């Protein structure tokens, strides 16, 4: 019996532990890139996987107290074989000592193609 691309991808995803990352290219053995993307889109809708950013998907880890855990920026950079540098920009008033409020804007610099990944700031600060 021939399995659908959705079933083949879901079978492969369920074999790995939570927190694992996948790229669309990981599923090209099951069909074309467009078919794999559509199947991943369907699995995201069914909550079997989560979309991190364009082309990157994850099987999210579950924690008994914290619930669903998003992949860390370090895990994404390791899997994408990219370097990510975190920069924190502070308010000029704070730097000059005119205010005790600390306004921070986290910016991640990468050496990969343009894309946006929402960083898991909690994991970066710890």
PDB file of N, CA and C in Angstrom:
ATOM      1  N   UNK A   1       0.835  -1.183   0.000  1.00  0.00           N
ATOM      2  CA  UNK A   1       0.000   0.000   0.000  1.00  0.00           C
ATOM      3  C   UNK A   1       0.881   1.249   0.000  1.00  0.00           C
ATOM      4  N   UNK A   2       0.553   2.206  -0.822  1.00  0.00           N
ATOM      5  CA  UNK A   2       1.320   3.435  -0.946  1.00  0.00           C
ATOM      6  C   UNK A   2       0.810   4.446   0.080  1.00  0.00           C
ATOM      7  N   UNK A   3       1.759   5.012   0.858  1.00  0.00           N
ATOM      8  CA  UNK A   3       1.403   6.017   1.852  1.00  0.00           C
ATOM      9  C   UNK A   3       1.451   7.401   1.221  1.00  0.00           C
ATOM     10  N   UNK A   4       0.619   8.300   1.726  1.00  0.00           N
ATOM     11  CA  UNK A   4       0.658   9.678   1.239  1.00  0.00           C
ATOM     12  C   UNK A   4       1.910  10.364   1.785  1.00  0.00           C
ATOM     13  N   UNK A   5       2.262  11.475   1.170  1.00  0.00           N
ATOM     14  CA  UNK A   5       3.423  12.243   1.625  1.00  0.00           C
ATOM     15  C   UNK A   5       3.225  12.687   3.067  1.00  0.00           C
ATOM     16  N   UNK A   6       1.995  13.091   3.406  1.00  0.00           N
ATOM     17  CA  UNK A   6       1.694  13.509   4.780  1.00  0.00           C
ATOM     18  C   UNK A   6       2.035  12.408   5.777  1.00  0.00           C
ATOM     19  N   UNK A   7       1.598  11.181   5.460  1.00  0.00           N
ATOM     20  CA  UNK A   7       1.831  10.046   6.358  1.00  0.00           C
ATOM     21  C   UNK A   7       3.316   9.722   6.475  1.00  0.00           C
ATOM     22  N   UNK A   8       4.030   9.802   5.365  1.00  0.00           N
ATOM     23  CA  UNK A   8       5.466   9.506   5.378  1.00  0.00           C
ATOM     24  C   UNK A   8       6.218  10.540   6.212  1.00  0.00           C
ATOM     25  N   UNK A   9       5.862  11.811   6.049  1.00  0.00           N
ATOM     26  CA  UNK A   9       6.522  12.872   6.815  1.00  0.00           C
ATOM     27  C   UNK A   9       6.193  12.720   8.294  1.00  0.00           C
ATOM     28  N   UNK A  10       4.931  12.482   8.615  1.00  0.00           N
ATOM     29  CA  UNK A  10       4.519  12.332  10.009  1.00  0.00           C
ATOM     30  C   UNK A  10       5.227  11.147  10.659  1.00  0.00           C
ATOM     31  N   UNK A  11       5.380  10.059   9.926  1.00  0.00           N
ATOM     32  CA  UNK A  11       6.084   8.884  10.439  1.00  0.00           C
ATOM     33  C   UNK A  11       7.538   9.224  10.765  1.00  0.00           C
ATOM     34  N   UNK A  12       8.189   9.974   9.876  1.00  0.00           N
ATOM     35  CA  UNK A  12       9.593  10.369  10.099  1.00  0.00           C
ATOM     36  C   UNK A  12       9.701  11.322  11.290  1.00  0.00           C
ATOM     37  N   UNK A  13       8.759  12.252  11.411  1.00  0.00           N
ATOM     38  CA  UNK A  13       8.791  13.246  12.489  1.00  0.00           C
ATOM     39  C   UNK A  13       8.563  12.589  13.846  1.00  0.00           C
ATOM     40  N   UNK A  14       7.660  11.622  13.913  1.00  0.00           N
ATOM     41  CA  UNK A  14       7.339  10.971  15.184  1.00  0.00           C
ATOM     42  C   UNK A  14       8.473  10.094  15.698  1.00  0.00           C
ATOM     43  N   UNK A  15       9.426   9.752  14.838  1.00  0.00           N
ATOM     44  CA  UNK A  15      10.565   8.933  15.253  1.00  0.00           C
ATOM     45  C   UNK A  15      11.585   9.720  16.069  1.00  0.00           C
ATOM     46  N   UNK A  16      11.576  11.032  15.942  1.00  0.00           N
ATOM     47  CA  UNK A  16      12.577  11.849  16.637  1.00  0.00           C
ATOM     48  C   UNK A  16      11.982  12.452  17.905  1.00  0.00           C
ATOM     49  N   UNK A  17      12.861  12.883  18.805  1.00  0.00           N
ATOM     50  CA  UNK A  17      12.386  13.458  20.066  1.00  0.00           C
ATOM     51  C   UNK A  17      11.899  14.887  19.862  1.00  0.00           C
ATOM     52  N   UNK A  18      11.148  15.372  20.825  1.00  0.00           N
ATOM     53  CA  UNK A  18      10.641  16.739  20.775  1.00  0.00           C
ATOM     54  C   UNK A  18      11.771  17.745  20.790  1.00  0.00           C
ATOM     55  N   UNK A  19      11.580  18.840  20.096  1.00  0.00           N
ATOM     56  CA  UNK A  19      12.612  19.864  19.996  1.00  0.00           C
ATOM     57  C   UNK A  19      13.457  19.739  18.745  1.00  0.00           C
ATOM     58  N   UNK A  20      13.205  18.712  17.943  1.00  0.00           N
ATOM     59  CA  UNK A  20      13.976  18.510  16.723  1.00  0.00           C
ATOM     60  C   UNK A  20      13.495  19.450  15.625  1.00  0.00           C
ATOM     61  N   UNK A  21      14.432  19.892  14.814  1.00  0.00           N
ATOM     62  CA  UNK A  21      14.140  20.815  13.714  1.00  0.00           C
ATOM     63  C   UNK A  21      14.256  20.102  12.378  1.00  0.00           C
ATOM     64  N   UNK A  22      13.437  20.533  11.429  1.00  0.00           N
ATOM     65  CA  UNK A  22      13.445  19.977  10.087  1.00  0.00           C
ATOM     66  C   UNK A  22      13.400  21.104   9.068  1.00  0.00           C
ATOM     67  N   UNK A  23      14.032  20.860   7.930  1.00  0.00           N
ATOM     68  CA  UNK A  23      13.935  21.758   6.791  1.00  0.00           C
ATOM     69  C   UNK A  23      13.066  21.086   5.744  1.00  0.00           C
ATOM     70  N   UNK A  24      12.483  21.867   4.876  1.00  0.00           N
ATOM     71  CA  UNK A  24      11.661  21.305   3.797  1.00  0.00           C
ATOM     72  C   UNK A  24      12.482  20.302   2.980  1.00  0.00           C
ATOM     73  N   UNK A  25      13.768  20.588   2.812  1.00  0.00           N
ATOM     74  CA  UNK A  25      14.647  19.712   2.023  1.00  0.00           C
ATOM     75  C   UNK A  25      14.786  18.318   2.629  1.00  0.00           C
ATOM     76  N   UNK A  26      14.525  18.174   3.924  1.00  0.00           N
ATOM     77  CA  UNK A  26      14.648  16.875   4.579  1.00  0.00           C
ATOM     78  C   UNK A  26      13.613  15.874   4.067  1.00  0.00           C
ATOM     79  N   UNK A  27      12.565  16.364   3.409  1.00  0.00           N
ATOM     80  CA  UNK A  27      11.474  15.499   2.989  1.00  0.00           C
ATOM     81  C   UNK A  27      11.357  15.369   1.473  1.00  0.00           C
ATOM     82  N   UNK A  28      12.386  15.776   0.741  1.00  0.00           N
ATOM     83  CA  UNK A  28      12.333  15.707  -0.722  1.00  0.00           C
ATOM     84  C   UNK A  28      12.345  14.275  -1.244  1.00  0.00           C
ATOM     85  N   UNK A  29      12.750  13.312  -0.421  1.00  0.00           N
ATOM     86  CA  UNK A  29      12.732  11.908  -0.832  1.00  0.00           C
ATOM     87  C   UNK A  29      11.295  11.402  -0.998  1.00  0.00           C
ATOM     88  N   UNK A  30      10.341  12.092  -0.369  1.00  0.00           N
ATOM     89  CA  UNK A  30       8.942  11.668  -0.414  1.00  0.00           C
ATOM     90  C   UNK A  30       8.164  12.292  -1.568  1.00  0.00           C
ATOM     91  N   UNK A  31       8.724  13.312  -2.203  1.00  0.00           N
ATOM     92  CA  UNK A  31       8.028  13.976  -3.306  1.00  0.00           C
ATOM     93  C   UNK A  31       8.695  15.290  -3.639  1.00  0.00           C
ATOM     94  N   UNK A  32       8.032  16.091  -4.454  1.00  0.00           N
ATOM     95  CA  UNK A  32       8.590  17.379  -4.875  1.00  0.00           C
ATOM     96  C   UNK A  32       8.608  18.364  -3.707  1.00  0.00           C
ATOM     97  N   UNK A  33       9.334  19.450  -3.875  1.00  0.00           N
ATOM     98  CA  UNK A  33       9.423  20.470  -2.830  1.00  0.00           C
ATOM     99  C   UNK A  33       8.050  21.082  -2.553  1.00  0.00           C
ATOM    100  N   UNK A  34       7.280  21.296  -3.605  1.00  0.00           N
ATOM    101  CA  UNK A  34       5.945  21.879  -3.437  1.00  0.00           C
ATOM    102  C   UNK A  34       5.030  20.927  -2.668  1.00  0.00           C
ATOM    103  N   UNK A  35       5.088  19.636  -2.998  1.00  0.00           N
ATOM    104  CA  UNK A  35       4.259  18.645  -2.306  1.00  0.00           C
ATOM    105  C   UNK A  35       4.674  18.529  -0.838  1.00  0.00           C
ATOM    106  N   UNK A  36       5.982  18.555  -0.575  1.00  0.00           N
ATOM    107  CA  UNK A  36       6.468  18.477   0.804  1.00  0.00           C
ATOM    108  C   UNK A  36       6.026  19.707   1.595  1.00  0.00           C
ATOM    109  N   UNK A  37       6.091  20.880   0.963  1.00  0.00           N
ATOM    110  CA  UNK A  37       5.666  22.115   1.635  1.00  0.00           C
ATOM    111  C   UNK A  37       4.184  22.078   1.970  1.00  0.00           C
ATOM    112  N   UNK A  38       3.375  21.594   1.050  1.00  0.00           N
ATOM    113  CA  UNK A  38       1.928  21.482   1.286  1.00  0.00           C
ATOM    114  C   UNK A  38       1.637  20.491   2.415  1.00  0.00           C
ATOM    115  N   UNK A  39       2.351  19.378   2.414  1.00  0.00           N
ATOM    116  CA  UNK A  39       2.157  18.377   3.466  1.00  0.00           C
ATOM    117  C   UNK A  39       2.564  18.945   4.833  1.00  0.00           C
ATOM    118  N   UNK A  40       3.671  19.679   4.873  1.00  0.00           N
ATOM    119  CA  UNK A  40       4.111  20.295   6.132  1.00  0.00           C
ATOM    120  C   UNK A  40       3.107  21.336   6.604  1.00  0.00           C
ATOM    121  N   UNK A  41       2.569  22.099   5.662  1.00  0.00           N
ATOM    122  CA  UNK A  41       1.556  23.098   5.990  1.00  0.00           C
ATOM    123  C   UNK A  41       0.336  22.433   6.634  1.00  0.00           C
ATOM    124  N   UNK A  42      -0.061  21.291   6.077  1.00  0.00           N
ATOM    125  CA  UNK A  42      -1.201  20.548   6.613  1.00  0.00           C
ATOM    126  C   UNK A  42      -0.894  20.027   8.023  1.00  0.00           C
ATOM    127  N   UNK A  43       0.323  19.517   8.228  1.00  0.00           N
ATOM    128  CA  UNK A  43       0.710  18.999   9.542  1.00  0.00           C
ATOM    129  C   UNK A  43       0.778  20.108  10.588  1.00  0.00           C
ATOM    130  N   UNK A  44       1.158  21.305  10.166  1.00  0.00           N
ATOM    131  CA  UNK A  44       1.175  22.454  11.084  1.00  0.00           C
ATOM    132  C   UNK A  44      -0.253  22.802  11.482  1.00  0.00           C
ATOM    133  N   UNK A  45      -1.176  22.787  10.518  1.00  0.00           N
ATOM    134  CA  UNK A  45      -2.583  23.065  10.814  1.00  0.00           C
ATOM    135  C   UNK A  45      -3.165  22.068  11.799  1.00  0.00           C
ATOM    136  N   UNK A  46      -2.723  20.807  11.697  1.00  0.00           N
ATOM    137  CA  UNK A  46      -3.215  19.750  12.577  1.00  0.00           C
ATOM    138  C   UNK A  46      -2.453  19.688  13.900  1.00  0.00           C
ATOM    139  N   UNK A  47      -1.542  20.616  14.131  1.00  0.00           N
ATOM    140  CA  UNK A  47      -0.730  20.696  15.356  1.00  0.00           C
ATOM    141  C   UNK A  47       0.189  19.497  15.561  1.00  0.00           C
ATOM    142  N   UNK A  48       0.579  18.828  14.485  1.00  0.00           N
ATOM    143  CA  UNK A  48       1.560  17.748  14.595  1.00  0.00           C
ATOM    144  C   UNK A  48       2.978  18.305  14.541  1.00  0.00           C
ATOM    145  N   UNK A  49       3.120  19.494  13.938  1.00  0.00           N
ATOM    146  CA  UNK A  49       4.407  20.177  13.834  1.00  0.00           C
ATOM    147  C   UNK A  49       4.166  21.663  14.018  1.00  0.00           C
ATOM    148  N   UNK A  50       5.251  22.411  14.166  1.00  0.00           N
ATOM    149  CA  UNK A  50       5.156  23.865  14.268  1.00  0.00           C
ATOM    150  C   UNK A  50       6.081  24.486  13.225  1.00  0.00           C
ATOM    151  N   UNK A  51       5.654  25.599  12.671  1.00  0.00           N
ATOM    152  CA  UNK A  51       6.481  26.328  11.701  1.00  0.00           C
ATOM    153  C   UNK A  51       7.283  27.363  12.460  1.00  0.00           C
ATOM    154  N   UNK A  52       8.605  27.260  12.394  1.00  0.00           N
ATOM    155  CA  UNK A  52       9.487  28.212  13.068  1.00  0.00           C
ATOM    156  C   UNK A  52       9.632  29.454  12.210  1.00  0.00           C
ATOM    157  N   UNK A  53       9.962  29.276  10.970  1.00  0.00           N
ATOM    158  CA  UNK A  53      10.062  30.335   9.978  1.00  0.00           C
ATOM    159  C   UNK A  53       9.980  29.669   8.613  1.00  0.00           C
ATOM    160  N   UNK A  54      10.060  30.456   7.553  1.00  0.00           N
ATOM    161  CA  UNK A  54       9.921  29.881   6.212  1.00  0.00           C
ATOM    162  C   UNK A  54      10.946  28.770   5.984  1.00  0.00           C
ATOM    163  N   UNK A  55      10.452  27.571   5.718  1.00  0.00           N
ATOM    164  CA  UNK A  55      11.324  26.447   5.411  1.00  0.00           C
ATOM    165  C   UNK A  55      11.854  25.687   6.604  1.00  0.00           C
ATOM    166  N   UNK A  56      11.599  26.156   7.827  1.00  0.00           N
ATOM    167  CA  UNK A  56      12.075  25.472   9.032  1.00  0.00           C
ATOM    168  C   UNK A  56      10.872  25.085   9.886  1.00  0.00           C
ATOM    169  N   UNK A  57      10.793  23.809  10.201  1.00  0.00           N
ATOM    170  CA  UNK A  57       9.689  23.279  10.994  1.00  0.00           C
ATOM    171  C   UNK A  57      10.252  22.539  12.199  1.00  0.00           C
ATOM    172  N   UNK A  58       9.430  22.354  13.224  1.00  0.00           N
ATOM    173  CA  UNK A  58       9.905  21.703  14.441  1.00  0.00           C
ATOM    174  C   UNK A  58       8.855  20.773  15.013  1.00  0.00           C
ATOM    175  N   UNK A  59       9.338  19.738  15.649  1.00  0.00           N
ATOM    176  CA  UNK A  59       8.490  18.927  16.515  1.00  0.00           C
ATOM    177  C   UNK A  59       8.772  19.461  17.905  1.00  0.00           C
ATOM    178  N   UNK A  60       7.802  20.173  18.445  1.00  0.00           N
ATOM    179  CA  UNK A  60       8.022  20.882  19.695  1.00  0.00           C
ATOM    180  C   UNK A  60       8.078  19.939  20.880  1.00  0.00           C
ATOM    181  N   UNK A  61       8.958  20.282  21.818  1.00  0.00           N
ATOM    182  CA  UNK A  61       9.073  19.518  23.053  1.00  0.00           C
ATOM    183  C   UNK A  61       7.968  19.954  24.001  1.00  0.00           C
ATOM    184  N   UNK A  62       7.524  19.020  24.825  1.00  0.00           N
ATOM    185  CA  UNK A  62       6.481  19.321  25.811  1.00  0.00           C
ATOM    186  C   UNK A  62       7.087  19.204  27.204  1.00  0.00           C
ATOM    187  N   UNK A  63       6.824  20.196  28.035  1.00  0.00           N
ATOM    188  CA  UNK A  63       7.300  20.198  29.416  1.00  0.00           C
ATOM    189  C   UNK A  63       6.080  20.068  30.317  1.00  0.00           C
ATOM    190  N   UNK A  64       6.159  19.255  31.388  1.00  0.00           N
ATOM    191  CA  UNK A  64       4.981  19.049  32.231  1.00  0.00           C
ATOM    192  C   UNK A  64       4.449  20.315  32.891  1.00  0.00           C
ATOM    193  N   UNK A  65       5.314  21.267  33.182  1.00  0.00           N
ATOM    194  CA  UNK A  65       4.885  22.499  33.850  1.00  0.00           C
ATOM    195  C   UNK A  65       4.797  23.669  32.880  1.00  0.00           C
ATOM    196  N   UNK A  66       5.810  23.835  32.043  1.00  0.00           N
ATOM    197  CA  UNK A  66       5.881  24.981  31.136  1.00  0.00           C
ATOM    198  C   UNK A  66       5.057  24.807  29.871  1.00  0.00           C
ATOM    199  N   UNK A  67       4.666  23.599  29.558  1.00  0.00           N
ATOM    200  CA  UNK A  67       3.881  23.355  28.350  1.00  0.00           C
ATOM    201  C   UNK A  67       4.773  23.166  27.130  1.00  0.00           C
ATOM    202  N   UNK A  68       4.357  23.703  26.006  1.00  0.00           N
ATOM    203  CA  UNK A  68       5.087  23.558  24.748  1.00  0.00           C
ATOM    204  C   UNK A  68       6.294  24.481  24.738  1.00  0.00           C
ATOM    205  N   UNK A  69       7.461  23.930  24.401  1.00  0.00           N
ATOM    206  CA  UNK A  69       8.700  24.703  24.371  1.00  0.00           C
ATOM    207  C   UNK A  69       9.119  24.974  22.934  1.00  0.00           C
ATOM    208  N   UNK A  70       9.349  26.226  22.620  1.00  0.00           N
ATOM    209  CA  UNK A  70       9.823  26.623  21.295  1.00  0.00           C
ATOM    210  C   UNK A  70      11.310  26.291  21.172  1.00  0.00           C
ATOM    211  N   UNK A  71      11.790  26.015  19.970  1.00  0.00           N
ATOM    212  CA  UNK A  71      13.227  25.742  19.808  1.00  0.00           C
ATOM    213  C   UNK A  71      14.055  26.992  20.112  1.00  0.00           C
ATOM    214  N   UNK A  72      15.218  26.785  20.686  1.00  0.00           N
ATOM    215  CA  UNK A  72      16.076  27.918  21.029  1.00  0.00           C
ATOM    216  C   UNK A  72      16.794  28.425  19.783  1.00  0.00           C
ATOM    217  N   UNK A  73      17.272  29.644  19.870  1.00  0.00           N
ATOM    218  CA  UNK A  73      18.015  30.235  18.758  1.00  0.00           C
ATOM    219  C   UNK A  73      19.291  29.440  18.492  1.00  0.00           C
ATOM    220  N   UNK A  74      19.911  28.927  19.562  1.00  0.00           N
ATOM    221  CA  UNK A  74      21.131  28.127  19.402  1.00  0.00           C
ATOM    222  C   UNK A  74      20.847  26.846  18.625  1.00  0.00           C
ATOM    223  N   UNK A  75      19.709  26.203  18.922  1.00  0.00           N
ATOM    224  CA  UNK A  75      19.351  24.966  18.213  1.00  0.00           C
ATOM    225  C   UNK A  75      19.120  25.245  16.731  1.00  0.00           C
ATOM    226  N   UNK A  76      18.471  26.353  16.435  1.00  0.00           N
ATOM    227  CA  UNK A  76      18.222  26.717  15.036  1.00  0.00           C
ATOM    228  C   UNK A  76      19.539  26.991  14.322  1.00  0.00           C
ATOM    229  N   UNK A  77      20.440  27.712  14.978  1.00  0.00           N
ATOM    230  CA  UNK A  77      21.715  28.040  14.337  1.00  0.00           C
ATOM    231  C   UNK A  77      22.569  26.791  14.130  1.00  0.00           C
ATOM    232  N   UNK A  78      22.542  25.852  15.096  1.00  0.00           N
ATOM    233  CA  UNK A  78      23.290  24.604  14.926  1.00  0.00           C
ATOM    234  C   UNK A  78      22.745  23.813  13.746  1.00  0.00           C
ATOM    235  N   UNK A  79      21.430  23.704  13.665  1.00  0.00           N
ATOM    236  CA  UNK A  79      20.798  22.908  12.603  1.00  0.00           C
ATOM    237  C   UNK A  79      20.992  23.559  11.239  1.00  0.00           C
ATOM    238  N   UNK A  80      20.974  24.886  11.190  1.00  0.00           N
ATOM    239  CA  UNK A  80      21.141  25.605   9.928  1.00  0.00           C
ATOM    240  C   UNK A  80      22.608  25.829   9.584  1.00  0.00           C
ATOM    241  N   UNK A  81      23.489  25.405  10.482  1.00  0.00           N
ATOM    242  CA  UNK A  81      24.940  25.615  10.317  1.00  0.00           C
ATOM    243  C   UNK A  81      25.228  27.094  10.086  1.00  0.00           C
ATOM    244  N   UNK A  82      24.645  27.911  10.953  1.00  0.00           N
ATOM    245  CA  UNK A  82      24.790  29.363  10.844  1.00  0.00           C
ATOM    246  C   UNK A  82      25.358  29.911  12.140  1.00  0.00           C
ATOM    247  N   UNK A  83      25.927  31.081  12.049  1.00  0.00           N
ATOM    248  CA  UNK A  83      26.386  31.787  13.245  1.00  0.00           C
ATOM    249  C   UNK A  83      25.371  32.860  13.570  1.00  0.00           C
ATOM    250  N   UNK A  84      24.999  32.940  14.832  1.00  0.00           N
ATOM    251  CA  UNK A  84      24.072  33.974  15.273  1.00  0.00           C
ATOM    252  C   UNK A  84      24.722  34.732  16.423  1.00  0.00           C
ATOM    253  N   UNK A  85      24.771  36.035  16.270  1.00  0.00           N
ATOM    254  CA  UNK A  85      25.341  36.901  17.302  1.00  0.00           C
ATOM    255  C   UNK A  85      24.214  37.757  17.844  1.00  0.00           C
ATOM    256  N   UNK A  86      24.047  37.744  19.149  1.00  0.00           N
ATOM    257  CA  UNK A  86      23.006  38.532  19.786  1.00  0.00           C
ATOM    258  C   UNK A  86      23.587  39.874  20.214  1.00  0.00           C
ATOM    259  N   UNK A  87      22.930  40.940  19.815  1.00  0.00           N
ATOM    260  CA  UNK A  87      23.331  42.272  20.255  1.00  0.00           C
ATOM    261  C   UNK A  87      22.173  42.884  21.018  1.00  0.00           C
ATOM    262  N   UNK A  88      22.466  43.553  22.106  1.00  0.00           N
ATOM    263  CA  UNK A  88      21.444  44.239  22.894  1.00  0.00           C
ATOM    264  C   UNK A  88      21.713  45.729  22.825  1.00  0.00           C
ATOM    265  N   UNK A  89      20.748  46.474  22.348  1.00  0.00           N
ATOM    266  CA  UNK A  89      20.909  47.919  22.278  1.00  0.00           C
ATOM    267  C   UNK A  89      20.204  48.538  23.470  1.00  0.00           C
ATOM    268  N   UNK A  90      20.906  49.333  24.204  1.00  0.00           N
ATOM    269  CA  UNK A  90      20.359  49.969  25.394  1.00  0.00           C
ATOM    270  C   UNK A  90      19.964  51.408  25.092  1.00  0.00           C
ATOM    271  N   UNK A  91      19.056  51.900  25.858  1.00  0.00           N
ATOM    272  CA  UNK A  91      18.611  53.283  25.712  1.00  0.00           C
ATOM    273  C   UNK A  91      19.765  54.234  26.040  1.00  0.00           C
ATOM    274  N   UNK A  92      19.892  55.308  25.270  1.00  0.00           N
ATOM    275  CA  UNK A  92      20.945  56.292  25.502  1.00  0.00           C
ATOM    276  C   UNK A  92      20.794  56.941  26.867  1.00  0.00           C
ATOM    277  N   UNK A  93      19.561  57.172  27.307  1.00  0.00           N
ATOM    278  CA  UNK A  93      19.334  57.760  28.633  1.00  0.00           C
ATOM    279  C   UNK A  93      19.933  56.884  29.721  1.00  0.00           C
ATOM    280  N   UNK A  94      19.794  55.570  29.579  1.00  0.00           N
ATOM    281  CA  UNK A  94      20.329  54.651  30.577  1.00  0.00           C
ATOM    282  C   UNK A  94      21.849  54.672  30.572  1.00  0.00           C
ATOM    283  N   UNK A  95      22.428  54.694  29.389  1.00  0.00           N
ATOM    284  CA  UNK A  95      23.890  54.708  29.274  1.00  0.00           C
ATOM    285  C   UNK A  95      24.471  55.964  29.908  1.00  0.00           C
ATOM    286  N   UNK A  96      23.776  57.105  29.745  1.00  0.00           N
ATOM    287  CA  UNK A  96      24.256  58.369  30.316  1.00  0.00           C
ATOM    288  C   UNK A  96      23.906  58.519  31.786  1.00  0.00           C
ATOM    289  N   UNK A  97      23.181  57.572  32.345  1.00  0.00           N
ATOM    290  CA  UNK A  97      22.822  57.636  33.754  1.00  0.00           C
ATOM    291  C   UNK A  97      21.644  58.549  34.039  1.00  0.00           C
ATOM    292  N   UNK A  98      20.880  58.952  33.020  1.00  0.00           N
ATOM    293  CA  UNK A  98      19.746  59.844  33.206  1.00  0.00           C
ATOM    294  C   UNK A  98      18.464  59.091  33.544  1.00  0.00           C
ATOM    295  N   UNK A  99      18.482  57.790  33.400  1.00  0.00           N
ATOM    296  CA  UNK A  99      17.293  56.987  33.676  1.00  0.00           C
ATOM    297  C   UNK A  99      17.724  55.624  34.191  1.00  0.00           C
ATOM    298  N   UNK A 100      16.896  55.044  35.056  1.00  0.00           N
ATOM    299  CA  UNK A 100      17.207  53.698  35.547  1.00  0.00           C
ATOM    300  C   UNK A 100      16.418  52.644  34.778  1.00  0.00           C
ATOM    301  N   UNK A 101      15.570  53.081  33.873  1.00  0.00           N
ATOM    302  CA  UNK A 101      14.841  52.118  33.046  1.00  0.00           C
ATOM    303  C   UNK A 101      15.786  51.530  32.003  1.00  0.00           C
ATOM    304  N   UNK A 102      15.663  50.264  31.792  1.00  0.00           N
ATOM    305  CA  UNK A 102      16.500  49.607  30.796  1.00  0.00           C
ATOM    306  C   UNK A 102      15.596  49.136  29.663  1.00  0.00           C
ATOM    307  N   UNK A 103      15.710  49.796  28.532  1.00  0.00           N
ATOM    308  CA  UNK A 103      14.966  49.410  27.340  1.00  0.00           C
ATOM    309  C   UNK A 103      15.897  48.584  26.469  1.00  0.00           C
ATOM    310  N   UNK A 104      15.480  47.391  26.150  1.00  0.00           N
ATOM    311  CA  UNK A 104      16.349  46.529  25.351  1.00  0.00           C
ATOM    312  C   UNK A 104      15.631  46.089  24.094  1.00  0.00           C
ATOM    313  N   UNK A 105      16.373  46.030  23.041  1.00  0.00           N
ATOM    314  CA  UNK A 105      15.874  45.508  21.778  1.00  0.00           C
ATOM    315  C   UNK A 105      16.869  44.447  21.338  1.00  0.00           C
ATOM    316  N   UNK A 106      16.433  43.200  21.296  1.00  0.00           N
ATOM    317  CA  UNK A 106      17.332  42.119  20.910  1.00  0.00           C
ATOM    318  C   UNK A 106      17.392  42.023  19.393  1.00  0.00           C
ATOM    319  N   UNK A 107      18.607  42.018  18.868  1.00  0.00           N
ATOM    320  CA  UNK A 107      18.820  41.887  17.430  1.00  0.00           C
ATOM    321  C   UNK A 107      19.794  40.739  17.228  1.00  0.00           C
ATOM    322  N   UNK A 108      19.436  39.823  16.350  1.00  0.00           N
ATOM    323  CA  UNK A 108      20.313  38.700  16.042  1.00  0.00           C
ATOM    324  C   UNK A 108      20.923  38.922  14.668  1.00  0.00           C
ATOM    325  N   UNK A 109      22.234  38.919  14.600  1.00  0.00           N
ATOM    326  CA  UNK A 109      22.950  39.040  13.334  1.00  0.00           C
ATOM    327  C   UNK A 109      23.328  37.636  12.872  1.00  0.00           C
ATOM    328  N   UNK A 110      23.054  37.313  11.611  1.00  0.00           N
ATOM    329  CA  UNK A 110      23.359  35.976  11.104  1.00  0.00           C
ATOM    330  C   UNK A 110      24.161  36.069   9.820  1.00  0.00           C
ATOM    331  N   UNK A 111      24.736  34.942   9.445  1.00  0.00           N
ATOM    332  CA  UNK A 111      25.474  34.884   8.183  1.00  0.00           C
ATOM    333  C   UNK A 111      24.758  34.006   7.160  1.00  0.00           C
ATOM    334  N   UNK A 112      23.435  33.878   7.294  1.00  0.00           N
ATOM    335  CA  UNK A 112      22.650  33.092   6.345  1.00  0.00           C
ATOM    336  C   UNK A 112      21.743  34.010   5.542  1.00  0.00           C
ATOM    337  N   UNK A 113      21.028  33.423   4.591  1.00  0.00           N
ATOM    338  CA  UNK A 113      20.134  34.194   3.728  1.00  0.00           C
ATOM    339  C   UNK A 113      19.100  34.950   4.559  1.00  0.00           C
ATOM    340  N   UNK A 114      18.554  36.007   3.965  1.00  0.00           N
ATOM    341  CA  UNK A 114      17.563  36.822   4.667  1.00  0.00           C
ATOM    342  C   UNK A 114      16.412  35.975   5.156  1.00  0.00           C
ATOM    343  N   UNK A 115      16.003  36.244   6.351  1.00  0.00           N
ATOM    344  CA  UNK A 115      14.887  35.531   6.945  1.00  0.00           C
ATOM    345  C   UNK A 115      14.687  36.062   8.347  1.00  0.00           C
ATOM    346  N   UNK A 116      13.545  35.775   8.909  1.00  0.00           N
ATOM    347  CA  UNK A 116      13.258  36.257  10.244  1.00  0.00           C
ATOM    348  C   UNK A 116      12.970  35.071  11.142  1.00  0.00           C
ATOM    349  N   UNK A 117      13.691  34.976  12.233  1.00  0.00           N
ATOM    350  CA  UNK A 117      13.444  33.962  13.235  1.00  0.00           C
ATOM    351  C   UNK A 117      13.219  34.690  14.541  1.00  0.00           C
ATOM    352  N   UNK A 118      12.066  34.491  15.137  1.00  0.00           N
ATOM    353  CA  UNK A 118      11.777  35.133  16.420  1.00  0.00           C
ATOM    354  C   UNK A 118      12.609  34.415  17.482  1.00  0.00           C
ATOM    355  N   UNK A 119      13.569  35.120  18.091  1.00  0.00           N
ATOM    356  CA  UNK A 119      14.430  34.439  19.061  1.00  0.00           C
ATOM    357  C   UNK A 119      13.696  34.119  20.349  1.00  0.00           C
ATOM    358  N   UNK A 120      14.098  33.032  20.975  1.00  0.00           N
ATOM    359  CA  UNK A 120      13.586  32.651  22.274  1.00  0.00           C
ATOM    360  C   UNK A 120      14.446  33.400  23.291  1.00  0.00           C
ATOM    361  N   UNK A 121      14.039  34.614  23.653  1.00  0.00           N
ATOM    362  CA  UNK A 121      14.873  35.495  24.468  1.00  0.00           C
ATOM    363  C   UNK A 121      15.171  34.919  25.841  1.00  0.00           C
ATOM    364  N   UNK A 122      14.251  34.157  26.398  1.00  0.00           N
ATOM    365  CA  UNK A 122      14.474  33.581  27.717  1.00  0.00           C
ATOM    366  C   UNK A 122      15.716  32.703  27.709  1.00  0.00           C
ATOM    367  N   UNK A 123      15.873  31.892  26.655  1.00  0.00           N
ATOM    368  CA  UNK A 123      17.027  31.007  26.578  1.00  0.00           C
ATOM    369  C   UNK A 123      18.313  31.777  26.321  1.00  0.00           C
ATOM    370  N   UNK A 124      18.226  32.923  25.649  1.00  0.00           N
ATOM    371  CA  UNK A 124      19.429  33.718  25.364  1.00  0.00           C
ATOM    372  C   UNK A 124      19.941  34.428  26.606  1.00  0.00           C
ATOM    373  N   UNK A 125      19.034  34.840  27.484  1.00  0.00           N
ATOM    374  CA  UNK A 125      19.422  35.610  28.659  1.00  0.00           C
ATOM    375  C   UNK A 125      19.995  34.704  29.740  1.00  0.00           C
ATOM    376  N   UNK A 126      19.506  33.464  29.837  1.00  0.00           N
ATOM    377  CA  UNK A 126      19.946  32.545  30.901  1.00  0.00           C
ATOM    378  C   UNK A 126      21.382  32.151  30.738  1.00  0.00           C
TER     379      UNK A 126
END
